[in-house]
PDB file of N, CA and C in Angstrom:
ATOM      1  N   MET A   1      79.717 107.133 116.296  1.00  0.00           N
ATOM      2  CA  MET A   1      79.717 105.539 114.732  1.00  0.00           C
ATOM      3  C   MET A   1      80.856 105.374 113.908  1.00  0.00           C
ATOM      4  N   LYS A   2      81.655 104.497 113.456  1.00  0.00           N
ATOM      5  CA  LYS A   2      82.691 104.918 112.384  1.00  0.00           C
ATOM      6  C   LYS A   2      82.146 104.435 111.449  1.00  0.00           C
ATOM      7  N   THR A   3      82.345 105.743 110.554  1.00  0.00           N
ATOM      8  CA  THR A   3      81.996 104.854 108.418  1.00  0.00           C
ATOM      9  C   THR A   3      82.916 105.032 108.159  1.00  0.00           C
ATOM     10  N   ILE A   4      83.276 103.444 106.880  1.00  0.00           N
ATOM     11  CA  ILE A   4      83.875 103.298 105.932  1.00  0.00           C
ATOM     12  C   ILE A   4      83.593 103.362 105.068  1.00  0.00           C
ATOM     13  N   THR A   5      84.308 103.867 104.153  1.00  0.00           N
ATOM     14  CA  THR A   5      83.863 103.933 102.727  1.00  0.00           C
ATOM     15  C   THR A   5      84.426 102.974 101.999  1.00  0.00           C
ATOM     16  N   PHE A   6      83.811 102.439 101.098  1.00  0.00           N
ATOM     17  CA  PHE A   6      84.195 100.800 100.594  1.00  0.00           C
ATOM     18  C   PHE A   6      84.116 101.215  99.670  1.00  0.00           C
ATOM     19  N   TYR A   7      85.102 101.143  98.349  1.00  0.00           N
ATOM     20  CA  TYR A   7      84.702 101.406  97.031  1.00  0.00           C
ATOM     21  C   TYR A   7      85.362 100.359  96.131  1.00  0.00           C
ATOM     22  N   THR A   8      83.819  99.682  95.027  1.00  0.00           N
ATOM     23  CA  THR A   8      84.718  98.550  94.203  1.00  0.00           C
ATOM     24  C   THR A   8      84.162  99.088  92.620  1.00  0.00           C
ATOM     25  N   ASP A   9      84.822  97.827  92.427  1.00  0.00           N
ATOM     26  CA  ASP A   9      84.792  98.113  90.375  1.00  0.00           C
ATOM     27  C   ASP A   9      84.554  96.696  90.159  1.00  0.00           C
ATOM     28  N   PRO A  10      84.870  96.629  88.926  1.00  0.00           N
ATOM     29  CA  PRO A  10      84.631  94.906  88.367  1.00  0.00           C
ATOM     30  C   PRO A  10      85.353  94.153  88.862  1.00  0.00           C
ATOM     31  N   GLY A  11      86.131  94.256  89.705  1.00  0.00           N
ATOM     32  CA  GLY A  11      87.415  93.459  89.741  1.00  0.00           C
ATOM     33  C   GLY A  11      87.987  92.986  91.305  1.00  0.00           C
ATOM     34  N   HIS A  12      87.765  94.630  92.017  1.00  0.00           N
ATOM     35  CA  HIS A  12      88.114  94.396  93.518  1.00  0.00           C
ATOM     36  C   HIS A  12      87.212  95.456  94.247  1.00  0.00           C
ATOM     37  N   GLY A  13      87.341  95.628  95.363  1.00  0.00           N
ATOM     38  CA  GLY A  13      87.275  96.281  96.016  1.00  0.00           C
ATOM     39  C   GLY A  13      88.507  96.796  97.495  1.00  0.00           C
ATOM     40  N   TRP A  14      87.743  98.341  97.494  1.00  0.00           N
ATOM     41  CA  TRP A  14      88.956  98.905  98.498  1.00  0.00           C
ATOM     42  C   TRP A  14      88.545  99.679  99.535  1.00  0.00           C
ATOM     43  N   ALA A  15      89.016  99.697 101.091  1.00  0.00           N
ATOM     44  CA  ALA A  15      88.277  99.970 101.753  1.00  0.00           C
ATOM     45  C   ALA A  15      89.489 101.573 102.391  1.00  0.00           C
ATOM     46  N   ALA A  16      88.431 102.533 101.833  1.00  0.00           N
ATOM     47  CA  ALA A  16      89.414 103.896 102.328  1.00  0.00           C
ATOM     48  C   ALA A  16      89.761 104.837 103.754  1.00  0.00           C
ATOM     49  N   VAL A  17      90.749 104.121 104.490  1.00  0.00           N
ATOM     50  CA  VAL A  17      91.747 104.424 105.835  1.00  0.00           C
ATOM     51  C   VAL A  17      92.378 105.574 106.102  1.00  0.00           C
ATOM     52  N   PRO A  18      92.697 106.325 107.089  1.00  0.00           N
ATOM     53  CA  PRO A  18      93.232 107.568 107.024  1.00  0.00           C
ATOM     54  C   PRO A  18      94.543 106.619 107.828  1.00  0.00           C
ATOM     55  N   MET A  19      95.603 107.368 107.504  1.00  0.00           N
ATOM     56  CA  MET A  19      96.939 106.513 107.581  1.00  0.00           C
ATOM     57  C   MET A  19      97.107 106.718 109.367  1.00  0.00           C
ATOM     58  N   ALA A  20      96.605 108.250 109.424  1.00  0.00           N
ATOM     59  CA  ALA A  20      97.069 107.750 110.994  1.00  0.00           C
ATOM     60  C   ALA A  20      96.178 107.110 111.620  1.00  0.00           C
ATOM     61  N   GLU A  21      95.335 106.763 111.478  1.00  0.00           N
ATOM     62  CA  GLU A  21      94.253 105.536 111.917  1.00  0.00           C
ATOM     63  C   GLU A  21      95.279 104.231 112.047  1.00  0.00           C
ATOM     64  N   LEU A  22      95.601 103.861 111.042  1.00  0.00           N
ATOM     65  CA  LEU A  22      97.045 102.234 110.957  1.00  0.00           C
ATOM     66  C   LEU A  22      97.892 102.731 112.168  1.00  0.00           C
ATOM     67  N   SER A  23      98.507 103.746 111.649  1.00  0.00           N
ATOM     68  CA  SER A  23      99.100 103.628 112.834  1.00  0.00           C
ATOM     69  C   SER A  23      98.873 103.752 114.050  1.00  0.00           C
ATOM     70  N   ALA A  24      98.284 104.340 114.868  1.00  0.00           N
ATOM     71  CA  ALA A  24      97.276 104.739 115.582  1.00  0.00           C
ATOM     72  C   ALA A  24      97.047 102.635 116.313  1.00  0.00           C
ATOM     73  N   LEU A  25      96.995 102.170 114.951  1.00  0.00           N
ATOM     74  CA  LEU A  25      95.806 100.811 115.258  1.00  0.00           C
ATOM     75  C   LEU A  25      97.575  99.769 115.598  1.00  0.00           C
ATOM     76  N   GLY A  26      98.485 100.270 115.167  1.00  0.00           N
ATOM     77  CA  GLY A  26      99.588  99.528 115.128  1.00  0.00           C
ATOM     78  C   GLY A  26      99.895  98.885 113.851  1.00  0.00           C
ATOM     79  N   ILE A  27      98.783  98.994 113.668  1.00  0.00           N
ATOM     80  CA  ILE A  27      99.487  97.648 111.971  1.00  0.00           C
ATOM     81  C   ILE A  27      99.407  98.519 110.910  1.00  0.00           C
ATOM     82  N   ALA A  28      99.901  99.735 109.890  1.00  0.00           N
ATOM     83  CA  ALA A  28     100.398 100.061 109.640  1.00  0.00           C
ATOM     84  C   ALA A  28     101.587  99.412 108.802  1.00  0.00           C
ATOM     85  N   ASP A  29     102.407  98.873 109.275  1.00  0.00           N
ATOM     86  CA  ASP A  29     103.250  97.749 108.928  1.00  0.00           C
ATOM     87  C   ASP A  29     102.775  96.601 108.059  1.00  0.00           C
ATOM     88  N   LYS A  30     101.697  96.444 108.513  1.00  0.00           N
ATOM     89  CA  LYS A  30     100.852  94.557 108.300  1.00  0.00           C
ATOM     90  C   LYS A  30     100.500  95.132 106.833  1.00  0.00           C
ATOM     91  N   ILE A  31     100.112  96.125 106.206  1.00  0.00           N
ATOM     92  CA  ILE A  31      99.353  96.307 104.974  1.00  0.00           C
ATOM     93  C   ILE A  31     100.394  96.013 104.263  1.00  0.00           C
ATOM     94  N   SER A  32      99.540  95.282 103.021  1.00  0.00           N
ATOM     95  CA  SER A  32     100.729  94.733 101.733  1.00  0.00           C
ATOM     96  C   SER A  32     100.824  95.715 100.867  1.00  0.00           C
ATOM     97  N   ARG A  33     101.340  95.504  99.443  1.00  0.00           N
ATOM     98  CA  ARG A  33     101.837  96.523  98.637  1.00  0.00           C
ATOM     99  C   ARG A  33     101.026  96.426  97.693  1.00  0.00           C
ATOM    100  N   TYR A  34      99.682  95.432  98.140  1.00  0.00           N
ATOM    101  CA  TYR A  34      98.027  94.999  97.238  1.00  0.00           C
ATOM    102  C   TYR A  34      97.420  96.095  97.428  1.00  0.00           C
ATOM    103  N   SER A  35      97.757  97.489  98.332  1.00  0.00           N
ATOM    104  CA  SER A  35      96.918  98.435  98.955  1.00  0.00           C
ATOM    105  C   SER A  35      97.193  99.582  98.400  1.00  0.00           C
ATOM    106  N   TYR A  36      96.600 100.176  97.780  1.00  0.00           N
ATOM    107  CA  TYR A  36      97.249 102.290  97.594  1.00  0.00           C
ATOM    108  C   TYR A  36      97.550 103.226  98.575  1.00  0.00           C
ATOM    109  N   ARG A  37      97.562 103.867  97.984  1.00  0.00           N
ATOM    110  CA  ARG A  37      97.821 105.127  98.535  1.00  0.00           C
ATOM    111  C   ARG A  37      97.192 106.553  98.079  1.00  0.00           C
ATOM    112  N   LYS A  38      97.064 107.368  98.679  1.00  0.00           N
ATOM    113  CA  LYS A  38      96.690 108.283  98.319  1.00  0.00           C
ATOM    114  C   LYS A  38      96.905 109.532  99.058  1.00  0.00           C
ATOM    115  N   GLY A  39      97.802 110.618  99.049  1.00  0.00           N
ATOM    116  CA  GLY A  39      98.103 111.128 100.153  1.00  0.00           C
ATOM    117  C   GLY A  39      98.445 110.864 101.572  1.00  0.00           C
ATOM    118  N   ASP A  40      96.727 111.236 102.377  1.00  0.00           N
ATOM    119  CA  ASP A  40      96.667 111.009 103.998  1.00  0.00           C
ATOM    120  C   ASP A  40      96.436 109.546 104.316  1.00  0.00           C
ATOM    121  N   THR A  41      95.958 108.542 103.268  1.00  0.00           N
ATOM    122  CA  THR A  41      94.370 107.814 102.527  1.00  0.00           C
ATOM    123  C   THR A  41      94.903 106.099 102.694  1.00  0.00           C
ATOM    124  N   ALA A  42      94.942 105.581 103.073  1.00  0.00           N
ATOM    125  CA  ALA A  42      95.258 103.917 103.067  1.00  0.00           C
ATOM    126  C   ALA A  42      93.891 103.254 102.116  1.00  0.00           C
ATOM    127  N   PHE A  43      94.028 102.941 100.301  1.00  0.00           N
ATOM    128  CA  PHE A  43      93.011 101.663  99.778  1.00  0.00           C
ATOM    129  C   PHE A  43      93.695 100.943 100.460  1.00  0.00           C
ATOM    130  N   LEU A  44      92.701 100.134 101.186  1.00  0.00           N
ATOM    131  CA  LEU A  44      93.258  98.699 101.749  1.00  0.00           C
ATOM    132  C   LEU A  44      92.063  97.339 100.766  1.00  0.00           C
ATOM    133  N   GLU A  45      93.302  96.955 100.244  1.00  0.00           N
ATOM    134  CA  GLU A  45      92.896  95.632  99.262  1.00  0.00           C
ATOM    135  C   GLU A  45      92.097  94.695 100.273  1.00  0.00           C
ATOM    136  N   GLU A  46      90.537  94.024  99.594  1.00  0.00           N
ATOM    137  CA  GLU A  46      89.483  93.838 100.126  1.00  0.00           C
ATOM    138  C   GLU A  46      89.996  92.059 100.813  1.00  0.00           C
ATOM    139  N   ASP A  47      91.442  91.786 100.078  1.00  0.00           N
ATOM    140  CA  ASP A  47      91.355  90.727 100.364  1.00  0.00           C
ATOM    141  C   ASP A  47      92.247  90.013 102.167  1.00  0.00           C
ATOM    142  N   CYS A  48      92.996  90.395 101.860  1.00  0.00           N
ATOM    143  CA  CYS A  48      93.963  90.605 103.166  1.00  0.00           C
ATOM    144  C   CYS A  48      93.973  91.702 104.240  1.00  0.00           C
ATOM    145  N   ASP A  49      94.700  92.662 103.028  1.00  0.00           N
ATOM    146  CA  ASP A  49      94.236  94.418 104.053  1.00  0.00           C
ATOM    147  C   ASP A  49      93.308  94.252 105.150  1.00  0.00           C
ATOM    148  N   PHE A  50      92.585  94.327 104.506  1.00  0.00           N
ATOM    149  CA  PHE A  50      90.731  95.087 104.759  1.00  0.00           C
ATOM    150  C   PHE A  50      90.454  93.937 106.466  1.00  0.00           C
ATOM    151  N   PHE A  51      90.491  92.686 105.898  1.00  0.00           N
ATOM    152  CA  PHE A  51      90.419  91.757 107.191  1.00  0.00           C
ATOM    153  C   PHE A  51      91.563  92.400 108.650  1.00  0.00           C
ATOM    154  N   ILE A  52      92.492  92.519 108.092  1.00  0.00           N
ATOM    155  CA  ILE A  52      93.689  92.875 108.381  1.00  0.00           C
ATOM    156  C   ILE A  52      93.344  94.157 110.221  1.00  0.00           C
ATOM    157  N   TYR A  53      92.913  95.270 108.842  1.00  0.00           N
ATOM    158  CA  TYR A  53      91.970  96.612 109.450  1.00  0.00           C
ATOM    159  C   TYR A  53      90.815  96.230 110.737  1.00  0.00           C
ATOM    160  N   MET A  54      90.491  95.077 109.862  1.00  0.00           N
ATOM    161  CA  MET A  54      88.503  94.997 110.557  1.00  0.00           C
ATOM    162  C   MET A  54      89.293  94.404 111.506  1.00  0.00           C
ATOM    163  N   GLU A  55      90.442  93.507 111.902  1.00  0.00           N
ATOM    164  CA  GLU A  55      90.867  92.798 113.246  1.00  0.00           C
ATOM    165  C   GLU A  55      91.010  93.383 114.414  1.00  0.00           C
ATOM    166  N   ALA A  56      91.829  94.563 114.096  1.00  0.00           N
ATOM    167  CA  ALA A  56      92.323  96.134 114.671  1.00  0.00           C
ATOM    168  C   ALA A  56      90.932  96.717 115.394  1.00  0.00           C
ATOM    169  N   ILE A  57      89.908  96.749 114.791  1.00  0.00           N
ATOM    170  CA  ILE A  57      89.103  97.489 115.285  1.00  0.00           C
ATOM    171  C   ILE A  57      87.699  96.561 115.831  1.00  0.00           C
ATOM    172  N   LYS A  58      88.090  95.461 115.799  1.00  0.00           N
ATOM    173  CA  LYS A  58      87.313  94.386 115.946  1.00  0.00           C
ATOM    174  C   LYS A  58      86.854  95.347 117.761  1.00  0.00           C
ATOM    175  N   GLY A  59      84.682  95.409 118.108  1.00  0.00           N
ATOM    176  CA  GLY A  59      83.948  95.726 119.009  1.00  0.00           C
ATOM    177  C   GLY A  59      84.330  97.003 118.634  1.00  0.00           C
ATOM    178  N   GLN A  60      84.220  97.641 118.129  1.00  0.00           N
ATOM    179  CA  GLN A  60      84.191  99.305 117.332  1.00  0.00           C
ATOM    180  C   GLN A  60      83.327  99.484 116.652  1.00  0.00           C
ATOM    181  N   PRO A  61      81.835 100.149 117.015  1.00  0.00           N
ATOM    182  CA  PRO A  61      80.571 100.105 116.192  1.00  0.00           C
ATOM    183  C   PRO A  61      81.456 100.617 114.477  1.00  0.00           C
ATOM    184  N   TYR A  62      80.575 100.386 114.230  1.00  0.00           N
ATOM    185  CA  TYR A  62      81.109 100.493 112.495  1.00  0.00           C
ATOM    186  C   TYR A  62      79.461 100.589 111.104  1.00  0.00           C
ATOM    187  N   GLU A  63      79.910 101.892 110.174  1.00  0.00           N
ATOM    188  CA  GLU A  63      79.030 101.587 109.266  1.00  0.00           C
ATOM    189  C   GLU A  63      79.844 101.399 107.728  1.00  0.00           C
ATOM    190  N   ILE A  64      79.100 100.419 106.896  1.00  0.00           N
ATOM    191  CA  ILE A  64      79.791 100.683 105.357  1.00  0.00           C
ATOM    192  C   ILE A  64      78.776 101.474 104.872  1.00  0.00           C
ATOM    193  N   LYS A  65      79.288 102.675 103.905  1.00  0.00           N
ATOM    194  CA  LYS A  65      79.576 103.334 102.907  1.00  0.00           C
ATOM    195  C   LYS A  65      79.414 102.599 101.996  1.00  0.00           C
ATOM    196  N   GLU A  66      79.124 102.218 100.744  1.00  0.00           N
ATOM    197  CA  GLU A  66      79.732 101.795  99.555  1.00  0.00           C
ATOM    198  C   GLU A  66      79.760 102.884  97.938  1.00  0.00           C
ATOM    199  N   HIS A  67      80.444 102.501  97.664  1.00  0.00           N
ATOM    200  CA  HIS A  67      79.925 103.397  96.075  1.00  0.00           C
ATOM    201  C   HIS A  67      81.192 102.660  94.770  1.00  0.00           C
ATOM    202  N   ASN A  68      79.828 102.303  94.033  1.00  0.00           N
ATOM    203  CA  ASN A  68      80.713 101.460  92.994  1.00  0.00           C
ATOM    204  C   ASN A  68      80.774 101.669  91.563  1.00  0.00           C
ATOM    205  N   THR A  69      81.718 101.393  90.796  1.00  0.00           N
ATOM    206  CA  THR A  69      81.700 101.809  89.373  1.00  0.00           C
ATOM    207  C   THR A  69      81.598 100.499  88.809  1.00  0.00           C
ATOM    208  N   ASP A  70      81.060 100.634  87.134  1.00  0.00           N
ATOM    209  CA  ASP A  70      81.159  99.512  86.203  1.00  0.00           C
ATOM    210  C   ASP A  70      82.486  99.735  85.465  1.00  0.00           C
ATOM    211  N   ASN A  71      82.897 100.548  85.803  1.00  0.00           N
ATOM    212  CA  ASN A  71      84.507 101.021  84.657  1.00  0.00           C
ATOM    213  C   ASN A  71      85.611 100.751  85.598  1.00  0.00           C
ATOM    214  N   ASP A  72      86.737 100.561  85.711  1.00  0.00           N
ATOM    215  CA  ASP A  72      88.040 100.741  86.760  1.00  0.00           C
ATOM    216  C   ASP A  72      87.926 101.297  87.508  1.00  0.00           C
ATOM    217  N   SER A  73      88.169 101.235  88.723  1.00  0.00           N
ATOM    218  CA  SER A  73      88.681 102.615  89.585  1.00  0.00           C
ATOM    219  C   SER A  73      89.472 103.185  89.803  1.00  0.00           C
ATOM    220  N   PRO A  74      89.600 104.421  89.683  1.00  0.00           N
ATOM    221  CA  PRO A  74      90.685 105.374  89.827  1.00  0.00           C
ATOM    222  C   PRO A  74      91.511 105.093  91.100  1.00  0.00           C
ATOM    223  N   ILE A  75      90.943 104.171  91.941  1.00  0.00           N
ATOM    224  CA  ILE A  75      92.247 104.188  92.700  1.00  0.00           C
ATOM    225  C   ILE A  75      93.386 102.787  92.517  1.00  0.00           C
ATOM    226  N   ARG A  76      93.106 101.979  91.348  1.00  0.00           N
ATOM    227  CA  ARG A  76      94.372 101.790  90.730  1.00  0.00           C
ATOM    228  C   ARG A  76      95.131 102.132  89.862  1.00  0.00           C
ATOM    229  N   SER A  77      95.162 103.524  89.871  1.00  0.00           N
ATOM    230  CA  SER A  77      95.996 104.724  89.508  1.00  0.00           C
ATOM    231  C   SER A  77      97.053 104.911  90.610  1.00  0.00           C
ATOM    232  N   TYR A  78      96.124 104.646  91.501  1.00  0.00           N
ATOM    233  CA  TYR A  78      96.841 105.741  93.046  1.00  0.00           C
ATOM    234  C   TYR A  78      98.325 104.594  93.414  1.00  0.00           C
ATOM    235  N   ALA A  79      99.699 104.942  94.218  1.00  0.00           N
ATOM    236  CA  ALA A  79     101.237 104.677  94.326  1.00  0.00           C
ATOM    237  C   ALA A  79     100.503 103.458  95.403  1.00  0.00           C
ATOM    238  N   GLN A  80     101.191 102.467  94.824  1.00  0.00           N
ATOM    239  CA  GLN A  80     101.661 101.497  95.803  1.00  0.00           C
ATOM    240  C   GLN A  80     101.681 101.785  96.789  1.00  0.00           C
ATOM    241  N   TYR A  81     100.606 100.661  98.275  1.00  0.00           N
ATOM    242  CA  TYR A  81     100.842 101.173  99.567  1.00  0.00           C
ATOM    243  C   TYR A  81     102.694 101.047 100.383  1.00  0.00           C
ATOM    244  N   ARG A  82     102.597 102.469 101.164  1.00  0.00           N
ATOM    245  CA  ARG A  82     104.027 101.679 101.666  1.00  0.00           C
ATOM    246  C   ARG A  82     103.605 102.709 102.905  1.00  0.00           C
ATOM    247  N   SER A  83     103.972 102.398 104.210  1.00  0.00           N
ATOM    248  CA  SER A  83     103.630 102.688 105.313  1.00  0.00           C
ATOM    249  C   SER A  83     104.627 103.801 105.716  1.00  0.00           C
ATOM    250  N   GLU A  84     104.607 104.894 106.332  1.00  0.00           N
ATOM    251  CA  GLU A  84     105.453 106.058 107.275  1.00  0.00           C
ATOM    252  C   GLU A  84     107.401 105.311 107.030  1.00  0.00           C
ATOM    253  N   ALA A  85     107.086 103.941 107.876  1.00  0.00           N
ATOM    254  CA  ALA A  85     108.061 103.796 108.224  1.00  0.00           C
ATOM    255  C   ALA A  85     108.490 102.569 107.125  1.00  0.00           C
ATOM    256  N   GLN A  86     108.383 102.615 105.856  1.00  0.00           N
ATOM    257  CA  GLN A  86     108.961 101.712 104.471  1.00  0.00           C
ATOM    258  C   GLN A  86     109.606 102.467 103.451  1.00  0.00           C
TER     259      GLN A  86
END
């Protein structure tokens, strides 16, 4: 079963997904610049990009592991998302 790590702060949330998985699913170029990237991990914003990902893995079993903070998440300081092709 796939585990999706989901991070939230008081204003927003992001799902951590390997860049390689986005490429394998054929959606790396569909993710907006409202998401973030650090190294080989994309942090998909909860409003649109996470939905694109969830549609792509439809039918696969998964669980969500949540990490919450009462402060601004460090994810906000990561680089703006760009696929390998951009």
